[in-house]
Amino acid sequence: MAITVERSFVVGTPAATVTLYLAATDQIAVRPQGSGSLITYRAILRFNGVFRLAEPLLRSSFDELADAVQVRLTQVLHALPARGTVK
């Protein structure tokens, strides 16, 4: 008998992660896919105050960071042992 579980959660809330410059929320969703899982990670950034005017300039730096996080997160998740195995 197969059990399917879908989980979605938010790490942080805008109220907890608001700074003078930035509001940030991380969203992580884990869904079954085939014999494994599909993990969706979203970092939502909103610039505050006058920093909204600089968003076009700042966005490229955050996009580069997001690309690096995607690569590293994939490496870490693929290094985890498969369910039911001992490492």
C-alpha atoms as a PDB file:
ATOM      1  CA  MET A   1       0.000   0.000   0.000  1.00  0.00           C
ATOM      2  CA  ALA A   2       1.500   3.339  -1.051  1.00  0.00           C
ATOM      3  CA  ILE A   3       0.985   6.447   1.036  1.00  0.00           C
ATOM      4  CA  THR A   4       1.143   9.818  -0.678  1.00  0.00           C
ATOM      5  CA  VAL A   5       1.947  12.863   1.414  1.00  0.00           C
ATOM      6  CA  GLU A   6       2.095  16.429   0.189  1.00  0.00           C
ATOM      7  CA  ARG A   7       3.561  19.111   2.414  1.00  0.00           C
ATOM      8  CA  SER A   8       3.990  22.794   1.912  1.00  0.00           C
ATOM      9  CA  PHE A   9       5.255  25.281   4.460  1.00  0.00           C
ATOM     10  CA  VAL A  10       6.586  28.796   4.786  1.00  0.00           C
ATOM     11  CA  VAL A  11       9.831  29.555   6.588  1.00  0.00           C
ATOM     12  CA  GLY A  12       9.528  32.978   8.129  1.00  0.00           C
ATOM     13  CA  THR A  13       6.738  35.468   7.683  1.00  0.00           C
ATOM     14  CA  PRO A  14       6.869  38.974   6.303  1.00  0.00           C
ATOM     15  CA  ALA A  15       6.362  40.322   9.831  1.00  0.00           C
ATOM     16  CA  ALA A  16       9.329  38.308  11.131  1.00  0.00           C
ATOM     17  CA  THR A  17      11.705  39.028   8.287  1.00  0.00           C
ATOM     18  CA  VAL A  18      11.128  42.676   7.502  1.00  0.00           C
ATOM     19  CA  THR A  19      14.141  44.930   7.747  1.00  0.00           C
ATOM     20  CA  LEU A  20      14.637  48.556   6.870  1.00  0.00           C
ATOM     21  CA  TYR A  21      15.775  47.457   3.394  1.00  0.00           C
ATOM     22  CA  LEU A  22      14.015  44.202   2.606  1.00  0.00           C
ATOM     23  CA  ALA A  23      11.093  41.882   3.339  1.00  0.00           C
ATOM     24  CA  ALA A  24      11.817  38.197   2.641  1.00  0.00           C
ATOM     25  CA  THR A  25       9.799  34.987   2.776  1.00  0.00           C
ATOM     26  CA  ASP A  26      10.990  31.464   1.917  1.00  0.00           C
ATOM     27  CA  GLN A  27       8.417  28.978   0.628  1.00  0.00           C
ATOM     28  CA  ILE A  28       9.220  25.264   0.422  1.00  0.00           C
ATOM     29  CA  ALA A  29       6.857  22.668  -1.043  1.00  0.00           C
ATOM     30  CA  VAL A  30       7.547  18.908  -1.114  1.00  0.00           C
ATOM     31  CA  ARG A  31       5.392  16.744  -3.383  1.00  0.00           C
ATOM     32  CA  PRO A  32       5.652  13.100  -4.394  1.00  0.00           C
ATOM     33  CA  GLN A  33       6.923  12.505  -7.920  1.00  0.00           C
ATOM     34  CA  GLY A  34       7.543   9.030  -9.262  1.00  0.00           C
ATOM     35  CA  SER A  35       9.719   7.137  -6.779  1.00  0.00           C
ATOM     36  CA  GLY A  36      10.998  10.381  -5.244  1.00  0.00           C
ATOM     37  CA  SER A  37       9.926  13.900  -4.455  1.00  0.00           C
ATOM     38  CA  LEU A  38       9.635  17.225  -6.222  1.00  0.00           C
ATOM     39  CA  ILE A  39      10.882  20.066  -4.062  1.00  0.00           C
ATOM     40  CA  THR A  40       9.972  23.625  -4.945  1.00  0.00           C
ATOM     41  CA  TYR A  41      11.812  26.432  -3.167  1.00  0.00           C
ATOM     42  CA  ARG A  42      10.891  30.083  -3.627  1.00  0.00           C
ATOM     43  CA  ALA A  43      12.546  33.044  -1.985  1.00  0.00           C
ATOM     44  CA  ILE A  44      10.329  36.091  -2.250  1.00  0.00           C
ATOM     45  CA  LEU A  45      12.129  39.399  -1.778  1.00  0.00           C
ATOM     46  CA  ARG A  46      10.502  42.791  -1.610  1.00  0.00           C
ATOM     47  CA  PHE A  47      12.609  45.903  -1.293  1.00  0.00           C
ATOM     48  CA  ASN A  48      11.400  48.606   1.106  1.00  0.00           C
ATOM     49  CA  GLY A  49      11.438  52.381   0.974  1.00  0.00           C
ATOM     50  CA  VAL A  50      13.925  54.055  -1.327  1.00  0.00           C
ATOM     51  CA  PHE A  51      15.500  50.662  -2.047  1.00  0.00           C
ATOM     52  CA  ARG A  52      12.513  49.947  -4.287  1.00  0.00           C
ATOM     53  CA  LEU A  53      14.007  52.491  -6.662  1.00  0.00           C
ATOM     54  CA  ALA A  54      17.280  50.515  -6.744  1.00  0.00           C
ATOM     55  CA  GLU A  55      15.549  47.167  -7.272  1.00  0.00           C
ATOM     56  CA  PRO A  56      16.455  46.912 -10.975  1.00  0.00           C
ATOM     57  CA  LEU A  57      20.132  47.299 -10.058  1.00  0.00           C
ATOM     58  CA  LEU A  58      19.980  44.987  -7.019  1.00  0.00           C
ATOM     59  CA  ARG A  59      17.864  42.306  -8.700  1.00  0.00           C
ATOM     60  CA  SER A  60      20.715  40.900 -10.818  1.00  0.00           C
ATOM     61  CA  SER A  61      22.799  40.207  -7.699  1.00  0.00           C
ATOM     62  CA  PHE A  62      19.898  38.375  -6.075  1.00  0.00           C
ATOM     63  CA  ASP A  63      19.261  36.432  -9.292  1.00  0.00           C
ATOM     64  CA  GLU A  64      22.901  35.262  -9.284  1.00  0.00           C
ATOM     65  CA  LEU A  65      22.539  34.207  -5.648  1.00  0.00           C
ATOM     66  CA  ALA A  66      19.340  32.314  -6.494  1.00  0.00           C
ATOM     67  CA  ASP A  67      21.124  30.432  -9.284  1.00  0.00           C
ATOM     68  CA  ALA A  68      23.921  29.429  -6.876  1.00  0.00           C
ATOM     69  CA  VAL A  69      21.395  28.285  -4.260  1.00  0.00           C
ATOM     70  CA  GLN A  70      19.613  26.144  -6.854  1.00  0.00           C
ATOM     71  CA  VAL A  71      22.854  24.392  -7.811  1.00  0.00           C
ATOM     72  CA  ARG A  72      23.900  23.813  -4.187  1.00  0.00           C
ATOM     73  CA  LEU A  73      20.450  22.674  -3.030  1.00  0.00           C
ATOM     74  CA  THR A  74      20.350  20.137  -5.873  1.00  0.00           C
ATOM     75  CA  GLN A  75      23.808  18.825  -4.894  1.00  0.00           C
ATOM     76  CA  VAL A  76      22.843  18.474  -1.227  1.00  0.00           C
ATOM     77  CA  LEU A  77      19.537  16.736  -1.956  1.00  0.00           C
ATOM     78  CA  HIS A  78      21.104  14.288  -4.423  1.00  0.00           C
ATOM     79  CA  ALA A  79      23.746  13.399  -1.820  1.00  0.00           C
ATOM     80  CA  LEU A  80      21.085  12.267   0.678  1.00  0.00           C
ATOM     81  CA  PRO A  81      20.604   8.495   1.014  1.00  0.00           C
ATOM     82  CA  ALA A  82      17.520   7.014  -0.631  1.00  0.00           C
ATOM     83  CA  ARG A  83      14.646   6.137   1.681  1.00  0.00           C
ATOM     84  CA  GLY A  84      15.136   2.750   3.248  1.00  0.00           C
ATOM     85  CA  THR A  85      18.921   2.723   2.831  1.00  0.00           C
ATOM     86  CA  VAL A  86      21.603   3.209   5.425  1.00  0.00           C
ATOM     87  CA  LYS A  87      24.544   5.457   4.710  1.00  0.00           C
END
